[in-house]
């Protein structure tokens, strides 16, 4: 693996600074990095020291940039939260007042509706009671009429029964009278016959 950073140019601007890395033309091998300090010549060791110092400066610059960016982000988030809390408090107060006004209006509207419903219900209940009383009165009158009609009907039936009994008695008397009339007729004929015989003998 051959890679080595020779220099770093920092382009600042904005919360997150851009970092542009420029690579050397001569690449160092992995074996050069792994070799210990005692085995390296002075020239090679100086090159490695330069690489280490570049990495250290890179780390320090990155840390400073990250801390500055993080602080800016924290400040922005703090002010954003503060603004959001203030706005929410203002909106909450206004919304609360509007909600209270709306609730009062809504309660008044409900009270008016309830009063109207009570008036309508009382009128309807009074009408229903009057109708119920009239219906009960009509029902009582109808019951009385039916009772009287039934009583008249019973009297009529009793009269019919009496007439029938009288009619039966009359028929019985007529039958008896007819029987007696027939007997009288026979007797009269018999008497006339005897008288005729007596007259002839005399």
C-alpha atoms as a PDB file:
ATOM      1  CA  UNK A   1       0.000   0.000   0.000  1.00  0.00           C
ATOM      2  CA  UNK A   2       1.699   3.237  -1.131  1.00  0.00           C
ATOM      3  CA  UNK A   3       0.229   6.457   0.265  1.00  0.00           C
ATOM      4  CA  UNK A   4       1.690   9.510   1.956  1.00  0.00           C
ATOM      5  CA  UNK A   5       0.277  12.990   2.509  1.00  0.00           C
ATOM      6  CA  UNK A   6       2.849  15.685   1.793  1.00  0.00           C
ATOM      7  CA  UNK A   7       0.947  18.897   2.508  1.00  0.00           C
ATOM      8  CA  UNK A   8      -2.550  20.090   3.351  1.00  0.00           C
ATOM      9  CA  UNK A   9      -4.237  23.275   2.178  1.00  0.00           C
ATOM     10  CA  UNK A  10      -7.253  24.436   4.251  1.00  0.00           C
ATOM     11  CA  UNK A  11     -10.000  26.359   2.535  1.00  0.00           C
ATOM     12  CA  UNK A  12     -12.021  28.120   5.261  1.00  0.00           C
ATOM     13  CA  UNK A  13     -15.562  29.304   4.934  1.00  0.00           C
ATOM     14  CA  UNK A  14     -18.876  28.108   6.290  1.00  0.00           C
ATOM     15  CA  UNK A  15     -19.595  25.943   9.315  1.00  0.00           C
ATOM     16  CA  UNK A  16     -17.833  22.919   7.840  1.00  0.00           C
ATOM     17  CA  UNK A  17     -14.445  23.924   6.383  1.00  0.00           C
ATOM     18  CA  UNK A  18     -13.427  22.156   3.200  1.00  0.00           C
ATOM     19  CA  UNK A  19     -10.170  20.264   3.328  1.00  0.00           C
ATOM     20  CA  UNK A  20      -8.185  19.709   0.169  1.00  0.00           C
ATOM     21  CA  UNK A  21      -5.309  17.214   0.249  1.00  0.00           C
ATOM     22  CA  UNK A  22      -2.475  17.267  -2.252  1.00  0.00           C
ATOM     23  CA  UNK A  23      -0.483  14.073  -2.750  1.00  0.00           C
ATOM     24  CA  UNK A  24       3.252  13.901  -3.444  1.00  0.00           C
ATOM     25  CA  UNK A  25       4.568  12.556  -6.688  1.00  0.00           C
ATOM     26  CA  UNK A  26       6.931  10.232  -4.825  1.00  0.00           C
ATOM     27  CA  UNK A  27       4.897   7.639  -2.886  1.00  0.00           C
ATOM     28  CA  UNK A  28       6.276   5.930   0.171  1.00  0.00           C
ATOM     29  CA  UNK A  29       5.879   2.173   0.574  1.00  0.00           C
ATOM     30  CA  UNK A  30       4.511   0.387   3.565  1.00  0.00           C
ATOM     31  CA  UNK A  31       7.929  -1.041   4.453  1.00  0.00           C
ATOM     32  CA  UNK A  32       9.354   2.471   4.861  1.00  0.00           C
ATOM     33  CA  UNK A  33       6.736   3.316   7.453  1.00  0.00           C
ATOM     34  CA  UNK A  34       7.062   0.041   9.389  1.00  0.00           C
ATOM     35  CA  UNK A  35      10.913   0.139   9.720  1.00  0.00           C
ATOM     36  CA  UNK A  36      12.065   1.145  13.197  1.00  0.00           C
ATOM     37  CA  UNK A  37      13.855   4.432  13.959  1.00  0.00           C
ATOM     38  CA  UNK A  38      17.311   2.875  14.659  1.00  0.00           C
ATOM     39  CA  UNK A  39      17.512   1.097  11.315  1.00  0.00           C
ATOM     40  CA  UNK A  40      16.538   4.180   9.282  1.00  0.00           C
ATOM     41  CA  UNK A  41      19.211   6.533   8.018  1.00  0.00           C
ATOM     42  CA  UNK A  42      19.171  10.149   9.171  1.00  0.00           C
ATOM     43  CA  UNK A  43      17.675  11.356   5.913  1.00  0.00           C
ATOM     44  CA  UNK A  44      14.894   8.769   5.967  1.00  0.00           C
ATOM     45  CA  UNK A  45      14.199   9.513   9.628  1.00  0.00           C
ATOM     46  CA  UNK A  46      13.823  13.240   8.894  1.00  0.00           C
ATOM     47  CA  UNK A  47      11.319  12.441   6.179  1.00  0.00           C
ATOM     48  CA  UNK A  48       9.336  10.331   8.623  1.00  0.00           C
ATOM     49  CA  UNK A  49       9.499  13.106  11.210  1.00  0.00           C
ATOM     50  CA  UNK A  50       8.097  15.509   8.638  1.00  0.00           C
ATOM     51  CA  UNK A  51       5.267  13.113   7.917  1.00  0.00           C
ATOM     52  CA  UNK A  52       4.500  12.742  11.643  1.00  0.00           C
ATOM     53  CA  UNK A  53       4.548  16.512  12.187  1.00  0.00           C
ATOM     54  CA  UNK A  54       2.230  16.999   9.207  1.00  0.00           C
ATOM     55  CA  UNK A  55      -0.153  14.448  10.665  1.00  0.00           C
ATOM     56  CA  UNK A  56      -0.001  16.143  14.062  1.00  0.00           C
ATOM     57  CA  UNK A  57      -0.676  19.566  12.568  1.00  0.00           C
ATOM     58  CA  UNK A  58      -3.522  18.061  10.580  1.00  0.00           C
ATOM     59  CA  UNK A  59      -4.993  16.568  13.737  1.00  0.00           C
ATOM     60  CA  UNK A  60      -4.663  19.884  15.633  1.00  0.00           C
ATOM     61  CA  UNK A  61      -6.217  21.858  12.763  1.00  0.00           C
ATOM     62  CA  UNK A  62      -9.025  19.366  12.449  1.00  0.00           C
ATOM     63  CA  UNK A  63      -9.634  19.495  16.188  1.00  0.00           C
ATOM     64  CA  UNK A  64      -9.712  23.318  16.184  1.00  0.00           C
ATOM     65  CA  UNK A  65     -12.028  23.395  13.182  1.00  0.00           C
ATOM     66  CA  UNK A  66     -14.285  20.747  14.669  1.00  0.00           C
ATOM     67  CA  UNK A  67     -14.419  22.566  18.018  1.00  0.00           C
ATOM     68  CA  UNK A  68     -15.180  25.894  16.313  1.00  0.00           C
ATOM     69  CA  UNK A  69     -17.823  24.325  14.061  1.00  0.00           C
ATOM     70  CA  UNK A  70     -19.307  22.412  16.996  1.00  0.00           C
ATOM     71  CA  UNK A  71     -19.416  25.582  19.090  1.00  0.00           C
ATOM     72  CA  UNK A  72     -21.114  27.474  16.254  1.00  0.00           C
ATOM     73  CA  UNK A  73     -23.579  24.641  15.812  1.00  0.00           C
ATOM     74  CA  UNK A  74     -24.282  24.588  19.553  1.00  0.00           C
ATOM     75  CA  UNK A  75     -24.737  28.345  19.628  1.00  0.00           C
ATOM     76  CA  UNK A  76     -27.059  28.209  16.658  1.00  0.00           C
ATOM     77  CA  UNK A  77     -29.037  25.350  18.142  1.00  0.00           C
ATOM     78  CA  UNK A  78     -29.208  27.211  21.494  1.00  0.00           C
ATOM     79  CA  UNK A  79     -30.480  30.402  19.849  1.00  0.00           C
ATOM     80  CA  UNK A  80     -32.841  28.352  17.705  1.00  0.00           C
ATOM     81  CA  UNK A  81     -34.203  26.612  20.796  1.00  0.00           C
ATOM     82  CA  UNK A  82     -34.491  29.933  22.630  1.00  0.00           C
ATOM     83  CA  UNK A  83     -36.303  31.486  19.675  1.00  0.00           C
ATOM     84  CA  UNK A  84     -38.542  28.425  19.405  1.00  0.00           C
ATOM     85  CA  UNK A  85     -39.351  28.608  23.134  1.00  0.00           C
ATOM     86  CA  UNK A  86     -40.110  32.346  22.934  1.00  0.00           C
ATOM     87  CA  UNK A  87     -42.210  31.857  19.832  1.00  0.00           C
ATOM     88  CA  UNK A  88     -43.982  28.892  21.395  1.00  0.00           C
ATOM     89  CA  UNK A  89     -44.641  30.921  24.561  1.00  0.00           C
ATOM     90  CA  UNK A  90     -46.024  33.828  22.542  1.00  0.00           C
ATOM     91  CA  UNK A  91     -48.092  31.537  20.367  1.00  0.00           C
ATOM     92  CA  UNK A  92     -49.247  29.622  23.430  1.00  0.00           C
ATOM     93  CA  UNK A  93     -50.394  32.825  25.146  1.00  0.00           C
ATOM     94  CA  UNK A  94     -52.215  34.013  22.041  1.00  0.00           C
ATOM     95  CA  UNK A  95     -53.639  30.579  21.348  1.00  0.00           C
ATOM     96  CA  UNK A  96     -54.642  30.215  24.999  1.00  0.00           C
ATOM     97  CA  UNK A  97     -56.451  33.537  24.961  1.00  0.00           C
ATOM     98  CA  UNK A  98     -58.132  32.653  21.672  1.00  0.00           C
ATOM     99  CA  UNK A  99     -59.075  29.251  23.041  1.00  0.00           C
ATOM    100  CA  UNK A 100     -60.553  30.835  26.185  1.00  0.00           C
ATOM    101  CA  UNK A 101     -62.539  33.313  24.105  1.00  0.00           C
ATOM    102  CA  UNK A 102     -63.709  30.533  21.831  1.00  0.00           C
ATOM    103  CA  UNK A 103     -64.609  28.376  24.836  1.00  0.00           C
ATOM    104  CA  UNK A 104     -66.643  31.220  26.346  1.00  0.00           C
ATOM    105  CA  UNK A 105     -68.427  31.802  23.045  1.00  0.00           C
ATOM    106  CA  UNK A 106     -68.933  28.068  22.641  1.00  0.00           C
ATOM    107  CA  UNK A 107     -70.347  27.809  26.175  1.00  0.00           C
ATOM    108  CA  UNK A 108     -72.731  30.714  25.513  1.00  0.00           C
ATOM    109  CA  UNK A 109     -73.829  29.069  22.284  1.00  0.00           C
ATOM    110  CA  UNK A 110     -74.398  25.781  24.080  1.00  0.00           C
ATOM    111  CA  UNK A 111     -76.355  27.560  26.820  1.00  0.00           C
ATOM    112  CA  UNK A 112     -78.566  29.229  24.210  1.00  0.00           C
ATOM    113  CA  UNK A 113     -79.100  25.909  22.455  1.00  0.00           C
ATOM    114  CA  UNK A 114     -79.950  24.275  25.777  1.00  0.00           C
ATOM    115  CA  UNK A 115     -82.470  27.036  26.628  1.00  0.00           C
ATOM    116  CA  UNK A 116     -84.047  26.728  23.180  1.00  0.00           C
ATOM    117  CA  UNK A 117     -84.236  22.962  23.547  1.00  0.00           C
ATOM    118  CA  UNK A 118     -85.795  23.344  27.001  1.00  0.00           C
ATOM    119  CA  UNK A 119     -88.444  25.744  25.664  1.00  0.00           C
ATOM    120  CA  UNK A 120     -89.204  23.480  22.720  1.00  0.00           C
ATOM    121  CA  UNK A 121     -89.317  20.437  24.996  1.00  0.00           C
ATOM    122  CA  UNK A 122     -91.662  22.159  27.464  1.00  0.00           C
ATOM    123  CA  UNK A 123     -94.006  23.213  24.665  1.00  0.00           C
ATOM    124  CA  UNK A 124     -93.943  19.795  23.070  1.00  0.00           C
ATOM    125  CA  UNK A 125     -94.451  18.152  26.468  1.00  0.00           C
ATOM    126  CA  UNK A 126     -97.420  20.420  27.206  1.00  0.00           C
ATOM    127  CA  UNK A 127     -98.915  19.624  23.800  1.00  0.00           C
ATOM    128  CA  UNK A 128     -98.282  15.932  24.343  1.00  0.00           C
ATOM    129  CA  UNK A 129     -99.959  16.078  27.758  1.00  0.00           C
ATOM    130  CA  UNK A 130    -102.961  17.923  26.297  1.00  0.00           C
ATOM    131  CA  UNK A 131    -103.190  15.398  23.486  1.00  0.00           C
ATOM    132  CA  UNK A 132    -102.868  12.554  25.972  1.00  0.00           C
ATOM    133  CA  UNK A 133    -105.600  14.037  28.157  1.00  0.00           C
ATOM    134  CA  UNK A 134    -107.864  14.531  25.140  1.00  0.00           C
ATOM    135  CA  UNK A 135    -107.192  10.993  24.005  1.00  0.00           C
ATOM    136  CA  UNK A 136    -107.953   9.651  27.485  1.00  0.00           C
ATOM    137  CA  UNK A 137    -111.158  11.698  27.616  1.00  0.00           C
ATOM    138  CA  UNK A 138    -112.229  10.468  24.189  1.00  0.00           C
ATOM    139  CA  UNK A 139    -111.417   6.916  25.259  1.00  0.00           C
ATOM    140  CA  UNK A 140    -113.523   7.303  28.423  1.00  0.00           C
ATOM    141  CA  UNK A 141    -116.444   8.714  26.428  1.00  0.00           C
ATOM    142  CA  UNK A 142    -116.109   5.897  23.893  1.00  0.00           C
ATOM    143  CA  UNK A 143    -116.078   3.350  26.715  1.00  0.00           C
ATOM    144  CA  UNK A 144    -119.189   4.906  28.230  1.00  0.00           C
ATOM    145  CA  UNK A 145    -120.922   4.888  24.846  1.00  0.00           C
ATOM    146  CA  UNK A 146    -119.970   1.259  24.279  1.00  0.00           C
ATOM    147  CA  UNK A 147    -121.183   0.340  27.780  1.00  0.00           C
ATOM    148  CA  UNK A 148    -124.492   2.092  27.196  1.00  0.00           C
ATOM    149  CA  UNK A 149    -124.828   0.459  23.803  1.00  0.00           C
ATOM    150  CA  UNK A 150    -124.138  -2.918  25.335  1.00  0.00           C
ATOM    151  CA  UNK A 151    -126.680  -2.235  28.064  1.00  0.00           C
ATOM    152  CA  UNK A 152    -129.250  -1.157  25.478  1.00  0.00           C
ATOM    153  CA  UNK A 153    -128.413  -4.221  23.446  1.00  0.00           C
ATOM    154  CA  UNK A 154    -128.886  -6.407  26.508  1.00  0.00           C
ATOM    155  CA  UNK A 155    -132.217  -4.735  27.213  1.00  0.00           C
ATOM    156  CA  UNK A 156    -133.209  -5.227  23.606  1.00  0.00           C
ATOM    157  CA  UNK A 157    -132.220  -8.877  23.808  1.00  0.00           C
ATOM    158  CA  UNK A 158    -134.217  -9.235  27.022  1.00  0.00           C
ATOM    159  CA  UNK A 159    -137.199  -7.617  25.356  1.00  0.00           C
ATOM    160  CA  UNK A 160    -136.804  -9.896  22.356  1.00  0.00           C
ATOM    161  CA  UNK A 161    -136.680 -12.870  24.698  1.00  0.00           C
ATOM    162  CA  UNK A 162    -139.819 -11.653  26.469  1.00  0.00           C
ATOM    163  CA  UNK A 163    -141.593 -11.151  23.139  1.00  0.00           C
ATOM    164  CA  UNK A 164    -140.488 -14.581  22.049  1.00  0.00           C
ATOM    165  CA  UNK A 165    -141.775 -16.087  25.243  1.00  0.00           C
ATOM    166  CA  UNK A 166    -145.076 -14.181  24.878  1.00  0.00           C
ATOM    167  CA  UNK A 167    -145.260 -15.212  21.247  1.00  0.00           C
ATOM    168  CA  UNK A 168    -144.679 -18.810  22.238  1.00  0.00           C
ATOM    169  CA  UNK A 169    -147.399 -18.539  24.865  1.00  0.00           C
ATOM    170  CA  UNK A 170    -149.729 -16.994  22.296  1.00  0.00           C
ATOM    171  CA  UNK A 171    -148.974 -19.778  19.854  1.00  0.00           C
ATOM    172  CA  UNK A 172    -149.588 -22.316  22.586  1.00  0.00           C
ATOM    173  CA  UNK A 173    -152.903 -20.684  23.432  1.00  0.00           C
ATOM    174  CA  UNK A 174    -153.863 -20.574  19.748  1.00  0.00           C
ATOM    175  CA  UNK A 175    -153.024 -24.250  19.439  1.00  0.00           C
ATOM    176  CA  UNK A 176    -155.047 -25.068  22.541  1.00  0.00           C
ATOM    177  CA  UNK A 177    -157.930 -22.965  21.274  1.00  0.00           C
ATOM    178  CA  UNK A 178    -157.801 -24.721  17.931  1.00  0.00           C
ATOM    179  CA  UNK A 179    -157.842 -28.094  19.601  1.00  0.00           C
ATOM    180  CA  UNK A 180    -160.757 -27.036  21.728  1.00  0.00           C
ATOM    181  CA  UNK A 181    -162.480 -25.577  18.675  1.00  0.00           C
ATOM    182  CA  UNK A 182    -162.066 -28.870  16.834  1.00  0.00           C
ATOM    183  CA  UNK A 183    -163.507 -30.749  19.802  1.00  0.00           C
ATOM    184  CA  UNK A 184    -166.433 -28.323  19.990  1.00  0.00           C
ATOM    185  CA  UNK A 185    -166.998 -28.739  16.285  1.00  0.00           C
ATOM    186  CA  UNK A 186    -167.128 -32.503  16.597  1.00  0.00           C
ATOM    187  CA  UNK A 187    -169.483 -32.218  19.570  1.00  0.00           C
ATOM    188  CA  UNK A 188    -171.702 -29.782  17.724  1.00  0.00           C
ATOM    189  CA  UNK A 189    -171.823 -32.030  14.684  1.00  0.00           C
ATOM    190  CA  UNK A 190    -172.620 -34.972  16.930  1.00  0.00           C
ATOM    191  CA  UNK A 191    -175.343 -33.018  18.644  1.00  0.00           C
ATOM    192  CA  UNK A 192    -176.795 -31.937  15.303  1.00  0.00           C
ATOM    193  CA  UNK A 193    -176.776 -35.546  14.139  1.00  0.00           C
ATOM    194  CA  UNK A 194    -178.541 -36.740  17.244  1.00  0.00           C
ATOM    195  CA  UNK A 195    -181.101 -33.995  16.864  1.00  0.00           C
ATOM    196  CA  UNK A 196    -181.660 -34.983  13.276  1.00  0.00           C
ATOM    197  CA  UNK A 197    -182.163 -38.588  14.315  1.00  0.00           C
ATOM    198  CA  UNK A 198    -184.556 -37.516  17.042  1.00  0.00           C
ATOM    199  CA  UNK A 199    -186.523 -35.370  14.652  1.00  0.00           C
ATOM    200  CA  UNK A 200    -186.772 -38.192  12.141  1.00  0.00           C
ATOM    201  CA  UNK A 201    -187.951 -40.638  14.782  1.00  0.00           C
ATOM    202  CA  UNK A 202    -190.540 -38.220  16.033  1.00  0.00           C
END
